Amino acid sequence: MAAVQDGHFEVYGQTCKVTLGKKQPSAPQEGAPSTQLGIFKLPKTVNQRTMEELLRTYEGFKEVTLATNSKDGQFLGYAFATFETVEHATVARSILQGMPLGDKPIDARFSNKKH
C-alpha cells in the first residue's frame, strides 16, 4: 500500500492523484400511478411535434409539455405527458420505458406534479 499525501499516491512507481467528480443529480423519484408521465433521457433534438407524433399513438393521450430553460428556451431533455386515465398512462409508461430514442433508452415515470 502506498502512502497518500495531498491526494497523491504512488502505484507501481507512478504518482497518481485522486479527485472526486461532481455529484451527479439523482434520477427523479417515481410518483404513485397517475394520469401524468415524466419522460426523461430524451435527445436534445426532440421537439414538440416529435413528441406529439410519438404520444398520440397511445390511447387516451391528451397533451405533452417539453421542459425548457426559462432563460434561453433550450429543451432540457425531458417532457411531461398527460393522459385521460391512470390506466392509459400505465399502458403508455410500460411501452415507453426503455424504448430507444436517439442514442439512449427513454426513462418514463409517473409524475404527480402539475405541469
C-alpha atoms as a PDB file:
ATOM      1  CA  MET A   1       0.000   0.000   0.000  1.00  0.00           C
ATOM      2  CA  ALA A   2       1.434   3.363  -0.997  1.00  0.00           C
ATOM      3  CA  ALA A   3       1.456   6.413   1.232  1.00  0.00           C
ATOM      4  CA  VAL A   4      -1.145   9.057   0.410  1.00  0.00           C
ATOM      5  CA  GLN A   5      -0.184  12.723   0.680  1.00  0.00           C
ATOM      6  CA  ASP A   6      -2.349  15.653  -0.503  1.00  0.00           C
ATOM      7  CA  GLY A   7      -4.494  13.316  -2.589  1.00  0.00           C
ATOM      8  CA  HIS A   8      -1.415  11.883  -4.381  1.00  0.00           C
ATOM      9  CA  PHE A   9      -0.176   8.329  -4.072  1.00  0.00           C
ATOM     10  CA  GLU A  10       2.257   6.080  -5.864  1.00  0.00           C
ATOM     11  CA  VAL A  11       1.258   2.942  -7.752  1.00  0.00           C
ATOM     12  CA  TYR A  12       3.954   0.829  -9.421  1.00  0.00           C
ATOM     13  CA  GLY A  13       6.313   3.802  -9.438  1.00  0.00           C
ATOM     14  CA  GLN A  14       3.755   6.206 -10.931  1.00  0.00           C
ATOM     15  CA  THR A  15       2.382   9.149  -8.971  1.00  0.00           C
ATOM     16  CA  CYS A  16      -1.403   9.344  -9.142  1.00  0.00           C
ATOM     17  CA  LYS A  17      -3.862  11.924  -7.862  1.00  0.00           C
ATOM     18  CA  VAL A  18      -7.340  11.087  -6.623  1.00  0.00           C
ATOM     19  CA  THR A  19     -10.101  13.627  -7.135  1.00  0.00           C
ATOM     20  CA  LEU A  20     -13.819  13.347  -6.676  1.00  0.00           C
ATOM     21  CA  GLY A  21     -16.130  14.286  -9.503  1.00  0.00           C
ATOM     22  CA  LYS A  22     -19.155  16.487  -9.148  1.00  0.00           C
ATOM     23  CA  LYS A  23     -22.171  14.808  -7.655  1.00  0.00           C
ATOM     24  CA  GLN A  24     -24.466  13.672 -10.423  1.00  0.00           C
ATOM     25  CA  PRO A  25     -28.118  14.565  -9.973  1.00  0.00           C
ATOM     26  CA  SER A  26     -30.122  11.571  -8.934  1.00  0.00           C
ATOM     27  CA  ALA A  27     -32.963  10.390 -11.109  1.00  0.00           C
ATOM     28  CA  PRO A  28     -36.299  11.801 -10.025  1.00  0.00           C
ATOM     29  CA  GLN A  29     -38.286   9.557  -7.733  1.00  0.00           C
ATOM     30  CA  GLU A  30     -41.301   7.997  -9.353  1.00  0.00           C
ATOM     31  CA  GLY A  31     -44.658   9.143  -8.063  1.00  0.00           C
ATOM     32  CA  ALA A  32     -47.692   6.966  -7.479  1.00  0.00           C
ATOM     33  CA  PRO A  33     -49.572   5.912 -10.628  1.00  0.00           C
ATOM     34  CA  SER A  34     -51.306   8.945 -12.106  1.00  0.00           C
ATOM     35  CA  THR A  35     -52.501  10.401 -15.400  1.00  0.00           C
ATOM     36  CA  GLN A  36     -49.156  12.175 -15.867  1.00  0.00           C
ATOM     37  CA  LEU A  37     -45.841  10.760 -17.029  1.00  0.00           C
ATOM     38  CA  GLY A  38     -42.410  12.330 -16.800  1.00  0.00           C
ATOM     39  CA  ILE A  39     -40.441  11.253 -19.873  1.00  0.00           C
ATOM     40  CA  PHE A  40     -36.687  11.566 -19.335  1.00  0.00           C
ATOM     41  CA  LYS A  41     -33.404  10.984 -21.236  1.00  0.00           C
ATOM     42  CA  LEU A  42     -34.775  12.466 -24.445  1.00  0.00           C
ATOM     43  CA  PRO A  43     -32.353  13.625 -27.156  1.00  0.00           C
ATOM     44  CA  LYS A  44     -31.883  17.404 -27.273  1.00  0.00           C
ATOM     45  CA  THR A  45     -33.072  17.279 -30.902  1.00  0.00           C
ATOM     46  CA  VAL A  46     -36.608  16.288 -29.843  1.00  0.00           C
ATOM     47  CA  ASN A  47     -39.273  18.939 -30.390  1.00  0.00           C
ATOM     48  CA  GLN A  48     -42.977  19.384 -29.659  1.00  0.00           C
ATOM     49  CA  ARG A  49     -44.057  17.858 -32.961  1.00  0.00           C
ATOM     50  CA  THR A  50     -41.863  14.761 -32.487  1.00  0.00           C
ATOM     51  CA  MET A  51     -43.296  14.106 -29.029  1.00  0.00           C
ATOM     52  CA  GLU A  52     -46.892  14.688 -30.123  1.00  0.00           C
ATOM     53  CA  GLU A  53     -46.456  12.286 -33.059  1.00  0.00           C
ATOM     54  CA  LEU A  54     -44.986   9.630 -30.759  1.00  0.00           C
ATOM     55  CA  LEU A  55     -47.521  10.001 -27.949  1.00  0.00           C
ATOM     56  CA  ARG A  56     -50.732  10.396 -29.935  1.00  0.00           C
ATOM     57  CA  THR A  57     -50.391   6.730 -30.914  1.00  0.00           C
ATOM     58  CA  TYR A  58     -51.261   5.858 -27.278  1.00  0.00           C
ATOM     59  CA  GLU A  59     -54.906   5.679 -26.288  1.00  0.00           C
ATOM     60  CA  GLY A  60     -56.007   8.500 -24.008  1.00  0.00           C
ATOM     61  CA  PHE A  61     -53.120  10.862 -24.812  1.00  0.00           C
ATOM     62  CA  LYS A  62     -54.130  14.478 -24.124  1.00  0.00           C
ATOM     63  CA  GLU A  63     -51.054  16.719 -24.225  1.00  0.00           C
ATOM     64  CA  VAL A  64     -47.292  16.929 -23.811  1.00  0.00           C
ATOM     65  CA  THR A  65     -45.181  19.758 -22.418  1.00  0.00           C
ATOM     66  CA  LEU A  66     -41.455  19.933 -23.125  1.00  0.00           C
ATOM     67  CA  ALA A  67     -39.260  21.251 -20.311  1.00  0.00           C
ATOM     68  CA  THR A  68     -37.235  24.260 -21.447  1.00  0.00           C
ATOM     69  CA  ASN A  69     -34.704  26.619 -19.941  1.00  0.00           C
ATOM     70  CA  SER A  70     -36.531  29.755 -18.796  1.00  0.00           C
ATOM     71  CA  LYS A  71     -33.657  31.989 -19.924  1.00  0.00           C
ATOM     72  CA  ASP A  72     -32.930  30.766 -23.432  1.00  0.00           C
ATOM     73  CA  GLY A  73     -35.783  28.376 -24.263  1.00  0.00           C
ATOM     74  CA  GLN A  74     -33.428  25.428 -24.856  1.00  0.00           C
ATOM     75  CA  PHE A  75     -35.006  21.987 -24.486  1.00  0.00           C
ATOM     76  CA  LEU A  76     -33.776  20.299 -21.284  1.00  0.00           C
ATOM     77  CA  GLY A  77     -34.156  16.673 -22.407  1.00  0.00           C
ATOM     78  CA  TYR A  78     -37.392  15.751 -20.660  1.00  0.00           C
ATOM     79  CA  ALA A  79     -41.127  16.248 -21.030  1.00  0.00           C
ATOM     80  CA  PHE A  80     -44.413  15.661 -19.229  1.00  0.00           C
ATOM     81  CA  ALA A  81     -47.354  13.908 -20.879  1.00  0.00           C
ATOM     82  CA  THR A  82     -50.955  13.849 -19.681  1.00  0.00           C
ATOM     83  CA  PHE A  83     -53.399  11.010 -20.356  1.00  0.00           C
ATOM     84  CA  GLU A  84     -57.161  10.734 -19.786  1.00  0.00           C
ATOM     85  CA  THR A  85     -56.922   7.952 -17.197  1.00  0.00           C
ATOM     86  CA  VAL A  86     -54.358   6.279 -14.956  1.00  0.00           C
ATOM     87  CA  GLU A  87     -54.873   3.111 -16.994  1.00  0.00           C
ATOM     88  CA  HIS A  88     -53.965   4.906 -20.239  1.00  0.00           C
ATOM     89  CA  ALA A  89     -50.848   6.386 -18.624  1.00  0.00           C
ATOM     90  CA  THR A  90     -49.881   2.980 -17.213  1.00  0.00           C
ATOM     91  CA  VAL A  91     -50.049   1.321 -20.630  1.00  0.00           C
ATOM     92  CA  ALA A  92     -48.078   4.154 -22.258  1.00  0.00           C
ATOM     93  CA  ARG A  93     -45.447   4.025 -19.496  1.00  0.00           C
ATOM     94  CA  SER A  94     -44.964   0.282 -19.893  1.00  0.00           C
ATOM     95  CA  ILE A  95     -44.355   0.684 -23.638  1.00  0.00           C
ATOM     96  CA  LEU A  96     -42.241   3.856 -23.437  1.00  0.00           C
ATOM     97  CA  GLN A  97     -39.973   2.645 -20.617  1.00  0.00           C
ATOM     98  CA  GLY A  98     -36.676   1.642 -22.227  1.00  0.00           C
ATOM     99  CA  MET A  99     -37.800   2.486 -25.775  1.00  0.00           C
ATOM    100  CA  PRO A 100     -34.760   3.611 -27.767  1.00  0.00           C
ATOM    101  CA  LEU A 101     -34.960   7.196 -28.975  1.00  0.00           C
ATOM    102  CA  GLY A 102     -31.760   8.685 -30.284  1.00  0.00           C
ATOM    103  CA  ASP A 103     -28.723   7.122 -28.631  1.00  0.00           C
ATOM    104  CA  LYS A 104     -30.274   6.052 -25.320  1.00  0.00           C
ATOM    105  CA  PRO A 105     -33.445   4.486 -23.944  1.00  0.00           C
ATOM    106  CA  ILE A 106     -36.335   6.593 -22.664  1.00  0.00           C
ATOM    107  CA  ASP A 107     -36.993   6.675 -18.921  1.00  0.00           C
ATOM    108  CA  ALA A 108     -40.753   7.040 -18.310  1.00  0.00           C
ATOM    109  CA  ARG A 109     -42.058   7.584 -14.773  1.00  0.00           C
ATOM    110  CA  PHE A 110     -45.340   8.536 -13.179  1.00  0.00           C
ATOM    111  CA  SER A 111     -45.453  12.176 -12.120  1.00  0.00           C
ATOM    112  CA  ASN A 112     -47.766  13.682  -9.524  1.00  0.00           C
ATOM    113  CA  LYS A 113     -46.815  17.303 -10.161  1.00  0.00           C
ATOM    114  CA  LYS A 114     -48.968  19.576 -12.288  1.00  0.00           C
ATOM    115  CA  HIS A 115     -47.035  20.765 -15.348  1.00  0.00           C
END
